[in-house]
Amino acid sequence: MTMLPFLAAGWIFLAGVYGMVTSRDIIHAVGCLAVAQSSTYVLLLTVGYRRGGIAPYFTDTPLRTRTVDPVVQALALTDVVVGATVTALLLALAMQIRKRHGTVDPDALTGLKG
């Protein structure tokens, strides 16, 4: 097992988190959150990958055939759907903030300060 996909997932996550921390625009922060969340796709696909594995159709495959884990693939697909939904919701909230306050700069949103 190689460590490269795990390192790639970690690098993608850190790049997304760095973008969120240094962002001065809510829309940019939402994009960086999507990048950080996409690292979970790489992580899930890495966990579920088996060299030489085939899809788990057991009707015409001989016994003792290496198959991939279908649960990890289902989790990756669910992750994609949840990520797209969260991104759409956050972008809609960013649009509402822009309409109400006239800016998407978090430092300029004085109404959010306590």
PDB file of N, CA and C in Angstrom:
ATOM      1  N   MET A   1       0.850  -1.176   0.000  1.00  0.00           N
ATOM      2  CA  MET A   1       0.000   0.000   0.000  1.00  0.00           C
ATOM      3  C   MET A   1       0.893   1.237   0.000  1.00  0.00           C
ATOM      4  N   THR A   2       0.599   2.129  -0.884  1.00  0.00           N
ATOM      5  CA  THR A   2       1.372   3.353  -0.987  1.00  0.00           C
ATOM      6  C   THR A   2       0.722   4.461  -0.157  1.00  0.00           C
ATOM      7  N   MET A   3       1.560   5.353   0.285  1.00  0.00           N
ATOM      8  CA  MET A   3       1.085   6.461   1.124  1.00  0.00           C
ATOM      9  C   MET A   3       0.721   7.693   0.308  1.00  0.00           C
ATOM     10  N   LEU A   4       1.036   7.676  -0.987  1.00  0.00           N
ATOM     11  CA  LEU A   4       0.831   8.863  -1.815  1.00  0.00           C
ATOM     12  C   LEU A   4      -0.625   9.352  -1.830  1.00  0.00           C
ATOM     13  N   PRO A   5      -1.632   8.500  -1.994  1.00  0.00           N
ATOM     14  CA  PRO A   5      -3.006   9.017  -1.974  1.00  0.00           C
ATOM     15  C   PRO A   5      -3.391   9.633  -0.627  1.00  0.00           C
ATOM     16  N   PHE A   6      -2.892   9.061   0.464  1.00  0.00           N
ATOM     17  CA  PHE A   6      -3.192   9.647   1.777  1.00  0.00           C
ATOM     18  C   PHE A   6      -2.533  11.016   1.930  1.00  0.00           C
ATOM     19  N   LEU A   7      -1.304  11.126   1.425  1.00  0.00           N
ATOM     20  CA  LEU A   7      -0.621  12.423   1.469  1.00  0.00           C
ATOM     21  C   LEU A   7      -1.330  13.443   0.581  1.00  0.00           C
ATOM     22  N   ALA A   8      -1.801  12.986  -0.573  1.00  0.00           N
ATOM     23  CA  ALA A   8      -2.544  13.886  -1.470  1.00  0.00           C
ATOM     24  C   ALA A   8      -3.829  14.365  -0.811  1.00  0.00           C
ATOM     25  N   ALA A   9      -4.535  13.463  -0.137  1.00  0.00           N
ATOM     26  CA  ALA A   9      -5.766  13.857   0.556  1.00  0.00           C
ATOM     27  C   ALA A   9      -5.463  14.861   1.666  1.00  0.00           C
ATOM     28  N   GLY A  10      -4.385  14.629   2.393  1.00  0.00           N
ATOM     29  CA  GLY A  10      -4.011  15.565   3.447  1.00  0.00           C
ATOM     30  C   GLY A  10      -3.611  16.913   2.890  1.00  0.00           C
ATOM     31  N   TRP A  11      -2.889  16.916   1.768  1.00  0.00           N
ATOM     32  CA  TRP A  11      -2.468  18.183   1.158  1.00  0.00           C
ATOM     33  C   TRP A  11      -3.684  18.953   0.661  1.00  0.00           C
ATOM     34  N   ILE A  12      -4.636  18.272   0.027  1.00  0.00           N
ATOM     35  CA  ILE A  12      -5.846  18.949  -0.460  1.00  0.00           C
ATOM     36  C   ILE A  12      -6.621  19.540   0.707  1.00  0.00           C
ATOM     37  N   PHE A  13      -6.722  18.783   1.798  1.00  0.00           N
ATOM     38  CA  PHE A  13      -7.436  19.277   2.975  1.00  0.00           C
ATOM     39  C   PHE A  13      -6.753  20.518   3.556  1.00  0.00           C
ATOM     40  N   LEU A  14      -5.427  20.447   3.687  1.00  0.00           N
ATOM     41  CA  LEU A  14      -4.702  21.597   4.251  1.00  0.00           C
ATOM     42  C   LEU A  14      -4.784  22.821   3.340  1.00  0.00           C
ATOM     43  N   ALA A  15      -4.749  22.606   2.028  1.00  0.00           N
ATOM     44  CA  ALA A  15      -4.885  23.744   1.104  1.00  0.00           C
ATOM     45  C   ALA A  15      -6.251  24.395   1.254  1.00  0.00           C
ATOM     46  N   GLY A  16      -7.287  23.583   1.422  1.00  0.00           N
ATOM     47  CA  GLY A  16      -8.623  24.139   1.611  1.00  0.00           C
ATOM     48  C   GLY A  16      -8.759  24.881   2.923  1.00  0.00           C
ATOM     49  N   VAL A  17      -8.210  24.308   3.979  1.00  0.00           N
ATOM     50  CA  VAL A  17      -8.284  24.970   5.293  1.00  0.00           C
ATOM     51  C   VAL A  17      -7.486  26.268   5.284  1.00  0.00           C
ATOM     52  N   TYR A  18      -6.314  26.263   4.638  1.00  0.00           N
ATOM     53  CA  TYR A  18      -5.525  27.493   4.547  1.00  0.00           C
ATOM     54  C   TYR A  18      -6.308  28.584   3.807  1.00  0.00           C
ATOM     55  N   GLY A  19      -6.981  28.197   2.742  1.00  0.00           N
ATOM     56  CA  GLY A  19      -7.787  29.163   1.996  1.00  0.00           C
ATOM     57  C   GLY A  19      -8.919  29.723   2.832  1.00  0.00           C
ATOM     58  N   MET A  20      -9.555  28.859   3.652  1.00  0.00           N
ATOM     59  CA  MET A  20     -10.638  29.348   4.504  1.00  0.00           C
ATOM     60  C   MET A  20     -10.122  30.309   5.562  1.00  0.00           C
ATOM     61  N   VAL A  21      -8.978  29.997   6.135  1.00  0.00           N
ATOM     62  CA  VAL A  21      -8.438  30.826   7.208  1.00  0.00           C
ATOM     63  C   VAL A  21      -7.998  32.190   6.683  1.00  0.00           C
ATOM     64  N   THR A  22      -7.417  32.220   5.504  1.00  0.00           N
ATOM     65  CA  THR A  22      -6.880  33.480   4.975  1.00  0.00           C
ATOM     66  C   THR A  22      -7.865  34.221   4.094  1.00  0.00           C
ATOM     67  N   SER A  23      -9.062  33.722   3.934  1.00  0.00           N
ATOM     68  CA  SER A  23     -10.014  34.322   3.005  1.00  0.00           C
ATOM     69  C   SER A  23     -10.603  35.609   3.572  1.00  0.00           C
ATOM     70  N   ARG A  24     -10.784  36.589   2.699  1.00  0.00           N
ATOM     71  CA  ARG A  24     -11.441  37.841   3.049  1.00  0.00           C
ATOM     72  C   ARG A  24     -12.723  38.003   2.250  1.00  0.00           C
ATOM     73  N   ASP A  25     -13.265  36.889   1.796  1.00  0.00           N
ATOM     74  CA  ASP A  25     -14.482  36.894   0.996  1.00  0.00           C
ATOM     75  C   ASP A  25     -15.252  35.622   1.346  1.00  0.00           C
ATOM     76  N   ILE A  26     -16.523  35.768   1.641  1.00  0.00           N
ATOM     77  CA  ILE A  26     -17.306  34.609   2.066  1.00  0.00           C
ATOM     78  C   ILE A  26     -17.436  33.597   0.940  1.00  0.00           C
ATOM     79  N   ILE A  27     -17.593  34.077  -0.287  1.00  0.00           N
ATOM     80  CA  ILE A  27     -17.723  33.164  -1.423  1.00  0.00           C
ATOM     81  C   ILE A  27     -16.427  32.393  -1.630  1.00  0.00           C
ATOM     82  N   HIS A  28     -15.296  33.056  -1.471  1.00  0.00           N
ATOM     83  CA  HIS A  28     -14.002  32.379  -1.561  1.00  0.00           C
ATOM     84  C   HIS A  28     -13.867  31.335  -0.458  1.00  0.00           C
ATOM     85  N   ALA A  29     -14.342  31.661   0.724  1.00  0.00           N
ATOM     86  CA  ALA A  29     -14.278  30.705   1.833  1.00  0.00           C
ATOM     87  C   ALA A  29     -15.144  29.481   1.557  1.00  0.00           C
ATOM     88  N   VAL A  30     -16.291  29.683   0.932  1.00  0.00           N
ATOM     89  CA  VAL A  30     -17.150  28.547   0.583  1.00  0.00           C
ATOM     90  C   VAL A  30     -16.440  27.662  -0.454  1.00  0.00           C
ATOM     91  N   GLY A  31     -15.790  28.277  -1.414  1.00  0.00           N
ATOM     92  CA  GLY A  31     -15.028  27.502  -2.394  1.00  0.00           C
ATOM     93  C   GLY A  31     -13.902  26.714  -1.747  1.00  0.00           C
ATOM     94  N   CYS A  32     -13.226  27.333  -0.793  1.00  0.00           N
ATOM     95  CA  CYS A  32     -12.149  26.637  -0.087  1.00  0.00           C
ATOM     96  C   CYS A  32     -12.698  25.505   0.780  1.00  0.00           C
ATOM     97  N   LEU A  33     -13.886  25.703   1.347  1.00  0.00           N
ATOM     98  CA  LEU A  33     -14.520  24.618   2.095  1.00  0.00           C
ATOM     99  C   LEU A  33     -14.822  23.438   1.175  1.00  0.00           C
ATOM    100  N   ALA A  34     -15.251  23.730  -0.041  1.00  0.00           N
ATOM    101  CA  ALA A  34     -15.521  22.652  -1.005  1.00  0.00           C
ATOM    102  C   ALA A  34     -14.232  21.918  -1.364  1.00  0.00           C
ATOM    103  N   VAL A  35     -13.130  22.659  -1.465  1.00  0.00           N
ATOM    104  CA  VAL A  35     -11.839  22.015  -1.753  1.00  0.00           C
ATOM    105  C   VAL A  35     -11.435  21.120  -0.581  1.00  0.00           C
ATOM    106  N   ALA A  36     -11.576  21.627   0.635  1.00  0.00           N
ATOM    107  CA  ALA A  36     -11.217  20.827   1.805  1.00  0.00           C
ATOM    108  C   ALA A  36     -12.101  19.586   1.907  1.00  0.00           C
ATOM    109  N   GLN A  37     -13.362  19.742   1.582  1.00  0.00           N
ATOM    110  CA  GLN A  37     -14.277  18.610   1.652  1.00  0.00           C
ATOM    111  C   GLN A  37     -13.971  17.596   0.560  1.00  0.00           C
ATOM    112  N   SER A  38     -13.452  18.052  -0.567  1.00  0.00           N
ATOM    113  CA  SER A  38     -13.146  17.117  -1.656  1.00  0.00           C
ATOM    114  C   SER A  38     -11.976  16.199  -1.300  1.00  0.00           C
ATOM    115  N   SER A  39     -11.210  16.549  -0.300  1.00  0.00           N
ATOM    116  CA  SER A  39     -10.134  15.644   0.122  1.00  0.00           C
ATOM    117  C   SER A  39     -10.713  14.336   0.666  1.00  0.00           C
ATOM    118  N   THR A  40     -11.940  14.379   1.143  1.00  0.00           N
ATOM    119  CA  THR A  40     -12.548  13.141   1.638  1.00  0.00           C
ATOM    120  C   THR A  40     -12.861  12.180   0.499  1.00  0.00           C
ATOM    121  N   TYR A  41     -13.072  12.713  -0.724  1.00  0.00           N
ATOM    122  CA  TYR A  41     -13.277  11.830  -1.877  1.00  0.00           C
ATOM    123  C   TYR A  41     -12.018  11.002  -2.104  1.00  0.00           C
ATOM    124  N   VAL A  42     -10.889  11.688  -2.093  1.00  0.00           N
ATOM    125  CA  VAL A  42      -9.616  10.993  -2.322  1.00  0.00           C
ATOM    126  C   VAL A  42      -9.367   9.982  -1.202  1.00  0.00           C
ATOM    127  N   LEU A  43      -9.666  10.378   0.012  1.00  0.00           N
ATOM    128  CA  LEU A  43      -9.452   9.475   1.147  1.00  0.00           C
ATOM    129  C   LEU A  43     -10.350   8.235   1.055  1.00  0.00           C
ATOM    130  N   LEU A  44     -11.620   8.440   0.746  1.00  0.00           N
ATOM    131  CA  LEU A  44     -12.530   7.300   0.650  1.00  0.00           C
ATOM    132  C   LEU A  44     -12.159   6.382  -0.507  1.00  0.00           C
ATOM    133  N   LEU A  45     -11.800   6.956  -1.634  1.00  0.00           N
ATOM    134  CA  LEU A  45     -11.414   6.123  -2.772  1.00  0.00           C
ATOM    135  C   LEU A  45     -10.121   5.379  -2.488  1.00  0.00           C
ATOM    136  N   THR A  46      -9.232   5.987  -1.733  1.00  0.00           N
ATOM    137  CA  THR A  46      -7.989   5.311  -1.362  1.00  0.00           C
ATOM    138  C   THR A  46      -8.262   4.142  -0.428  1.00  0.00           C
ATOM    139  N   VAL A  47      -9.151   4.337   0.511  1.00  0.00           N
ATOM    140  CA  VAL A  47      -9.472   3.269   1.457  1.00  0.00           C
ATOM    141  C   VAL A  47     -10.164   2.107   0.737  1.00  0.00           C
ATOM    142  N   GLY A  48     -11.026   2.424  -0.220  1.00  0.00           N
ATOM    143  CA  GLY A  48     -11.786   1.376  -0.885  1.00  0.00           C
ATOM    144  C   GLY A  48     -11.074   0.710  -2.044  1.00  0.00           C
ATOM    145  N   TYR A  49      -9.935   1.240  -2.465  1.00  0.00           N
ATOM    146  CA  TYR A  49      -9.234   0.694  -3.630  1.00  0.00           C
ATOM    147  C   TYR A  49      -8.544  -0.617  -3.273  1.00  0.00           C
ATOM    148  N   ARG A  50      -8.705  -1.593  -4.134  1.00  0.00           N
ATOM    149  CA  ARG A  50      -7.983  -2.860  -3.997  1.00  0.00           C
ATOM    150  C   ARG A  50      -7.401  -3.195  -5.365  1.00  0.00           C
ATOM    151  N   ARG A  51      -6.101  -3.357  -5.406  1.00  0.00           N
ATOM    152  CA  ARG A  51      -5.439  -3.648  -6.676  1.00  0.00           C
ATOM    153  C   ARG A  51      -5.947  -4.986  -7.222  1.00  0.00           C
ATOM    154  N   GLY A  52      -6.413  -4.956  -8.445  1.00  0.00           N
ATOM    155  CA  GLY A  52      -6.935  -6.160  -9.084  1.00  0.00           C
ATOM    156  C   GLY A  52      -8.352  -6.509  -8.678  1.00  0.00           C
ATOM    157  N   GLY A  53      -8.978  -5.672  -7.856  1.00  0.00           N
ATOM    158  CA  GLY A  53     -10.340  -5.948  -7.411  1.00  0.00           C
ATOM    159  C   GLY A  53     -11.347  -5.629  -8.498  1.00  0.00           C
ATOM    160  N   ILE A  54     -12.437  -6.341  -8.479  1.00  0.00           N
ATOM    161  CA  ILE A  54     -13.501  -6.090  -9.443  1.00  0.00           C
ATOM    162  C   ILE A  54     -14.756  -5.684  -8.693  1.00  0.00           C
ATOM    163  N   ALA A  55     -15.744  -5.218  -9.462  1.00  0.00           N
ATOM    164  CA  ALA A  55     -17.016  -4.841  -8.855  1.00  0.00           C
ATOM    165  C   ALA A  55     -17.672  -6.087  -8.246  1.00  0.00           C
ATOM    166  N   PRO A  56     -18.348  -5.924  -7.142  1.00  0.00           N
ATOM    167  CA  PRO A  56     -18.881  -7.088  -6.424  1.00  0.00           C
ATOM    168  C   PRO A  56     -20.162  -7.654  -7.033  1.00  0.00           C
ATOM    169  N   TYR A  57     -20.075  -8.158  -8.253  1.00  0.00           N
ATOM    170  CA  TYR A  57     -21.179  -8.906  -8.854  1.00  0.00           C
ATOM    171  C   TYR A  57     -20.856 -10.375  -8.684  1.00  0.00           C
ATOM    172  N   PHE A  58     -21.654 -11.062  -7.941  1.00  0.00           N
ATOM    173  CA  PHE A  58     -21.323 -12.438  -7.601  1.00  0.00           C
ATOM    174  C   PHE A  58     -22.066 -13.466  -8.456  1.00  0.00           C
ATOM    175  N   THR A  59     -22.770 -13.025  -9.475  1.00  0.00           N
ATOM    176  CA  THR A  59     -23.540 -13.990 -10.244  1.00  0.00           C
ATOM    177  C   THR A  59     -22.663 -14.818 -11.175  1.00  0.00           C
ATOM    178  N   ASP A  60     -21.649 -14.205 -11.779  1.00  0.00           N
ATOM    179  CA  ASP A  60     -20.849 -14.949 -12.743  1.00  0.00           C
ATOM    180  C   ASP A  60     -19.355 -14.925 -12.435  1.00  0.00           C
ATOM    181  N   THR A  61     -18.983 -14.539 -11.226  1.00  0.00           N
ATOM    182  CA  THR A  61     -17.571 -14.528 -10.866  1.00  0.00           C
ATOM    183  C   THR A  61     -17.263 -15.763 -10.024  1.00  0.00           C
ATOM    184  N   PRO A  62     -16.081 -16.318 -10.208  1.00  0.00           N
ATOM    185  CA  PRO A  62     -15.725 -17.476  -9.399  1.00  0.00           C
ATOM    186  C   PRO A  62     -15.506 -17.084  -7.936  1.00  0.00           C
ATOM    187  N   LEU A  63     -15.583 -18.067  -7.075  1.00  0.00           N
ATOM    188  CA  LEU A  63     -15.343 -17.819  -5.658  1.00  0.00           C
ATOM    189  C   LEU A  63     -13.888 -17.409  -5.456  1.00  0.00           C
ATOM    190  N   ARG A  64     -13.625 -16.719  -4.375  1.00  0.00           N
ATOM    191  CA  ARG A  64     -12.287 -16.250  -4.007  1.00  0.00           C
ATOM    192  C   ARG A  64     -11.760 -15.165  -4.952  1.00  0.00           C
ATOM    193  N   THR A  65     -12.653 -14.513  -5.683  1.00  0.00           N
ATOM    194  CA  THR A  65     -12.248 -13.398  -6.530  1.00  0.00           C
ATOM    195  C   THR A  65     -12.169 -12.142  -5.681  1.00  0.00           C
ATOM    196  N   ARG A  66     -11.120 -11.359  -5.891  1.00  0.00           N
ATOM    197  CA  ARG A  66     -10.958 -10.112  -5.129  1.00  0.00           C
ATOM    198  C   ARG A  66     -11.978  -9.099  -5.617  1.00  0.00           C
ATOM    199  N   THR A  67     -12.727  -8.547  -4.696  1.00  0.00           N
ATOM    200  CA  THR A  67     -13.714  -7.523  -5.045  1.00  0.00           C
ATOM    201  C   THR A  67     -13.438  -6.269  -4.230  1.00  0.00           C
ATOM    202  N   VAL A  68     -13.903  -5.164  -4.744  1.00  0.00           N
ATOM    203  CA  VAL A  68     -13.773  -3.911  -3.997  1.00  0.00           C
ATOM    204  C   VAL A  68     -14.936  -3.820  -3.017  1.00  0.00           C
ATOM    205  N   ASP A  69     -14.773  -2.962  -2.030  1.00  0.00           N
ATOM    206  CA  ASP A  69     -15.804  -2.789  -1.013  1.00  0.00           C
ATOM    207  C   ASP A  69     -16.868  -1.817  -1.535  1.00  0.00           C
ATOM    208  N   PRO A  70     -18.092  -2.239  -1.739  1.00  0.00           N
ATOM    209  CA  PRO A  70     -19.110  -1.331  -2.275  1.00  0.00           C
ATOM    210  C   PRO A  70     -19.569  -0.286  -1.271  1.00  0.00           C
ATOM    211  N   VAL A  71     -19.345  -0.520   0.007  1.00  0.00           N
ATOM    212  CA  VAL A  71     -19.781   0.446   1.016  1.00  0.00           C
ATOM    213  C   VAL A  71     -18.969   1.745   0.890  1.00  0.00           C
ATOM    214  N   VAL A  72     -17.693   1.604   0.626  1.00  0.00           N
ATOM    215  CA  VAL A  72     -16.847   2.798   0.497  1.00  0.00           C
ATOM    216  C   VAL A  72     -17.256   3.593  -0.734  1.00  0.00           C
ATOM    217  N   GLN A  73     -17.597   2.916  -1.812  1.00  0.00           N
ATOM    218  CA  GLN A  73     -18.054   3.621  -3.012  1.00  0.00           C
ATOM    219  C   GLN A  73     -19.368   4.343  -2.742  1.00  0.00           C
ATOM    220  N   ALA A  74     -20.264   3.712  -1.998  1.00  0.00           N
ATOM    221  CA  ALA A  74     -21.536   4.358  -1.658  1.00  0.00           C
ATOM    222  C   ALA A  74     -21.293   5.573  -0.759  1.00  0.00           C
ATOM    223  N   LEU A  75     -20.340   5.453   0.156  1.00  0.00           N
ATOM    224  CA  LEU A  75     -20.009   6.605   1.013  1.00  0.00           C
ATOM    225  C   LEU A  75     -19.436   7.747   0.196  1.00  0.00           C
ATOM    226  N   ALA A  76     -18.599   7.439  -0.789  1.00  0.00           N
ATOM    227  CA  ALA A  76     -18.023   8.489  -1.632  1.00  0.00           C
ATOM    228  C   ALA A  76     -19.126   9.193  -2.423  1.00  0.00           C
ATOM    229  N   LEU A  77     -20.052   8.429  -2.948  1.00  0.00           N
ATOM    230  CA  LEU A  77     -21.155   9.041  -3.689  1.00  0.00           C
ATOM    231  C   LEU A  77     -22.015   9.897  -2.768  1.00  0.00           C
ATOM    232  N   THR A  78     -22.292   9.420  -1.571  1.00  0.00           N
ATOM    233  CA  THR A  78     -23.047  10.213  -0.601  1.00  0.00           C
ATOM    234  C   THR A  78     -22.289  11.479  -0.233  1.00  0.00           C
ATOM    235  N   ASP A  79     -20.972  11.366  -0.129  1.00  0.00           N
ATOM    236  CA  ASP A  79     -20.135  12.522   0.196  1.00  0.00           C
ATOM    237  C   ASP A  79     -20.231  13.582  -0.894  1.00  0.00           C
ATOM    238  N   VAL A  80     -20.258  13.164  -2.138  1.00  0.00           N
ATOM    239  CA  VAL A  80     -20.377  14.113  -3.250  1.00  0.00           C
ATOM    240  C   VAL A  80     -21.710  14.846  -3.170  1.00  0.00           C
ATOM    241  N   VAL A  81     -22.775  14.119  -2.903  1.00  0.00           N
ATOM    242  CA  VAL A  81     -24.106  14.737  -2.842  1.00  0.00           C
ATOM    243  C   VAL A  81     -24.193  15.705  -1.662  1.00  0.00           C
ATOM    244  N   VAL A  82     -23.702  15.284  -0.519  1.00  0.00           N
ATOM    245  CA  VAL A  82     -23.749  16.156   0.661  1.00  0.00           C
ATOM    246  C   VAL A  82     -22.877  17.396   0.438  1.00  0.00           C
ATOM    247  N   GLY A  83     -21.719  17.224  -0.163  1.00  0.00           N
ATOM    248  CA  GLY A  83     -20.838  18.358  -0.429  1.00  0.00           C
ATOM    249  C   GLY A  83     -21.477  19.361  -1.366  1.00  0.00           C
ATOM    250  N   ALA A  84     -22.128  18.887  -2.414  1.00  0.00           N
ATOM    251  CA  ALA A  84     -22.793  19.803  -3.345  1.00  0.00           C
ATOM    252  C   ALA A  84     -23.944  20.526  -2.665  1.00  0.00           C
ATOM    253  N   THR A  85     -24.667  19.829  -1.805  1.00  0.00           N
ATOM    254  CA  THR A  85     -25.786  20.448  -1.098  1.00  0.00           C
ATOM    255  C   THR A  85     -25.306  21.522  -0.123  1.00  0.00           C
ATOM    256  N   VAL A  86     -24.274  21.207   0.624  1.00  0.00           N
ATOM    257  CA  VAL A  86     -23.747  22.178   1.589  1.00  0.00           C
ATOM    258  C   VAL A  86     -23.191  23.402   0.861  1.00  0.00           C
ATOM    259  N   THR A  87     -22.496  23.188  -0.235  1.00  0.00           N
ATOM    260  CA  THR A  87     -21.961  24.314  -1.002  1.00  0.00           C
ATOM    261  C   THR A  87     -23.078  25.195  -1.540  1.00  0.00           C
ATOM    262  N   ALA A  88     -24.127  24.591  -2.066  1.00  0.00           N
ATOM    263  CA  ALA A  88     -25.257  25.369  -2.581  1.00  0.00           C
ATOM    264  C   ALA A  88     -25.928  26.158  -1.464  1.00  0.00           C
ATOM    265  N   LEU A  89     -26.097  25.541  -0.311  1.00  0.00           N
ATOM    266  CA  LEU A  89     -26.726  26.232   0.816  1.00  0.00           C
ATOM    267  C   LEU A  89     -25.868  27.414   1.289  1.00  0.00           C
ATOM    268  N   LEU A  90     -24.566  27.201   1.406  1.00  0.00           N
ATOM    269  CA  LEU A  90     -23.688  28.280   1.865  1.00  0.00           C
ATOM    270  C   LEU A  90     -23.607  29.416   0.848  1.00  0.00           C
ATOM    271  N   LEU A  91     -23.624  29.082  -0.439  1.00  0.00           N
ATOM    272  CA  LEU A  91     -23.620  30.144  -1.448  1.00  0.00           C
ATOM    273  C   LEU A  91     -24.930  30.934  -1.418  1.00  0.00           C
ATOM    274  N   ALA A  92     -26.038  30.262  -1.143  1.00  0.00           N
ATOM    275  CA  ALA A  92     -27.314  30.975  -1.008  1.00  0.00           C
ATOM    276  C   ALA A  92     -27.281  31.902   0.202  1.00  0.00           C
ATOM    277  N   LEU A  93     -26.688  31.435   1.302  1.00  0.00           N
ATOM    278  CA  LEU A  93     -26.555  32.307   2.475  1.00  0.00           C
ATOM    279  C   LEU A  93     -25.631  33.487   2.193  1.00  0.00           C
ATOM    280  N   ALA A  94     -24.574  33.257   1.414  1.00  0.00           N
ATOM    281  CA  ALA A  94     -23.668  34.354   1.046  1.00  0.00           C
ATOM    282  C   ALA A  94     -24.395  35.392   0.197  1.00  0.00           C
ATOM    283  N   MET A  95     -25.273  34.920  -0.678  1.00  0.00           N
ATOM    284  CA  MET A  95     -26.045  35.878  -1.484  1.00  0.00           C
ATOM    285  C   MET A  95     -26.980  36.702  -0.603  1.00  0.00           C
ATOM    286  N   GLN A  96     -27.583  36.083   0.394  1.00  0.00           N
ATOM    287  CA  GLN A  96     -28.458  36.826   1.305  1.00  0.00           C
ATOM    288  C   GLN A  96     -27.666  37.838   2.130  1.00  0.00           C
ATOM    289  N   ILE A  97     -26.474  37.465   2.548  1.00  0.00           N
ATOM    290  CA  ILE A  97     -25.615  38.406   3.288  1.00  0.00           C
ATOM    291  C   ILE A  97     -25.251  39.588   2.394  1.00  0.00           C
ATOM    292  N   ARG A  98     -24.957  39.313   1.142  1.00  0.00           N
ATOM    293  CA  ARG A  98     -24.607  40.386   0.192  1.00  0.00           C
ATOM    294  C   ARG A  98     -25.795  41.316  -0.008  1.00  0.00           C
ATOM    295  N   LYS A  99     -27.005  40.765  -0.091  1.00  0.00           N
ATOM    296  CA  LYS A  99     -28.187  41.609  -0.279  1.00  0.00           C
ATOM    297  C   LYS A  99     -28.461  42.467   0.951  1.00  0.00           C
ATOM    298  N   ARG A 100     -28.287  41.909   2.132  1.00  0.00           N
ATOM    299  CA  ARG A 100     -28.648  42.635   3.353  1.00  0.00           C
ATOM    300  C   ARG A 100     -27.579  43.625   3.807  1.00  0.00           C
ATOM    301  N   HIS A 101     -26.295  43.257   3.619  1.00  0.00           N
ATOM    302  CA  HIS A 101     -25.224  44.088   4.153  1.00  0.00           C
ATOM    303  C   HIS A 101     -24.400  44.776   3.076  1.00  0.00           C
ATOM    304  N   GLY A 102     -24.559  44.370   1.826  1.00  0.00           N
ATOM    305  CA  GLY A 102     -23.840  45.012   0.740  1.00  0.00           C
ATOM    306  C   GLY A 102     -22.399  44.589   0.601  1.00  0.00           C
ATOM    307  N   THR A 103     -21.959  43.593   1.321  1.00  0.00           N
ATOM    308  CA  THR A 103     -20.583  43.125   1.233  1.00  0.00           C
ATOM    309  C   THR A 103     -20.531  41.645   1.603  1.00  0.00           C
ATOM    310  N   VAL A 104     -19.460  41.004   1.139  1.00  0.00           N
ATOM    311  CA  VAL A 104     -19.213  39.619   1.542  1.00  0.00           C
ATOM    312  C   VAL A 104     -17.892  39.506   2.292  1.00  0.00           C
ATOM    313  N   ASP A 105     -17.351  40.646   2.702  1.00  0.00           N
ATOM    314  CA  ASP A 105     -16.125  40.657   3.497  1.00  0.00           C
ATOM    315  C   ASP A 105     -16.482  40.404   4.958  1.00  0.00           C
ATOM    316  N   PRO A 106     -15.976  39.333   5.562  1.00  0.00           N
ATOM    317  CA  PRO A 106     -16.354  39.041   6.956  1.00  0.00           C
ATOM    318  C   PRO A 106     -15.936  40.134   7.937  1.00  0.00           C
ATOM    319  N   ASP A 107     -14.857  40.846   7.666  1.00  0.00           N
ATOM    320  CA  ASP A 107     -14.423  41.904   8.575  1.00  0.00           C
ATOM    321  C   ASP A 107     -15.348  43.120   8.519  1.00  0.00           C
ATOM    322  N   ALA A 108     -16.009  43.316   7.393  1.00  0.00           N
ATOM    323  CA  ALA A 108     -16.889  44.468   7.237  1.00  0.00           C
ATOM    324  C   ALA A 108     -18.299  44.206   7.738  1.00  0.00           C
ATOM    325  N   LEU A 109     -18.600  42.974   8.108  1.00  0.00           N
ATOM    326  CA  LEU A 109     -19.944  42.652   8.587  1.00  0.00           C
ATOM    327  C   LEU A 109     -20.028  42.989  10.072  1.00  0.00           C
ATOM    328  N   THR A 110     -20.349  44.227  10.360  1.00  0.00           N
ATOM    329  CA  THR A 110     -20.378  44.673  11.757  1.00  0.00           C
ATOM    330  C   THR A 110     -21.587  44.121  12.492  1.00  0.00           C
ATOM    331  N   GLY A 111     -22.634  43.745  11.778  1.00  0.00           N
ATOM    332  CA  GLY A 111     -23.832  43.216  12.426  1.00  0.00           C
ATOM    333  C   GLY A 111     -23.608  41.858  13.049  1.00  0.00           C
ATOM    334  N   LEU A 112     -22.540  41.166  12.654  1.00  0.00           N
ATOM    335  CA  LEU A 112     -22.270  39.844  13.197  1.00  0.00           C
ATOM    336  C   LEU A 112     -21.385  39.897  14.438  1.00  0.00           C
ATOM    337  N   LYS A 113     -20.845  41.072  14.752  1.00  0.00           N
ATOM    338  CA  LYS A 113     -19.981  41.191  15.926  1.00  0.00           C
ATOM    339  C   LYS A 113     -20.829  41.394  17.174  1.00  0.00           C
ATOM    340  N   GLY A 114     -20.357  40.876  18.293  1.00  0.00           N
ATOM    341  CA  GLY A 114     -21.118  40.932  19.527  1.00  0.00           C
ATOM    342  C   GLY A 114     -21.043  42.192  20.270  1.00  0.00           C
TER     343      GLY A 114
END
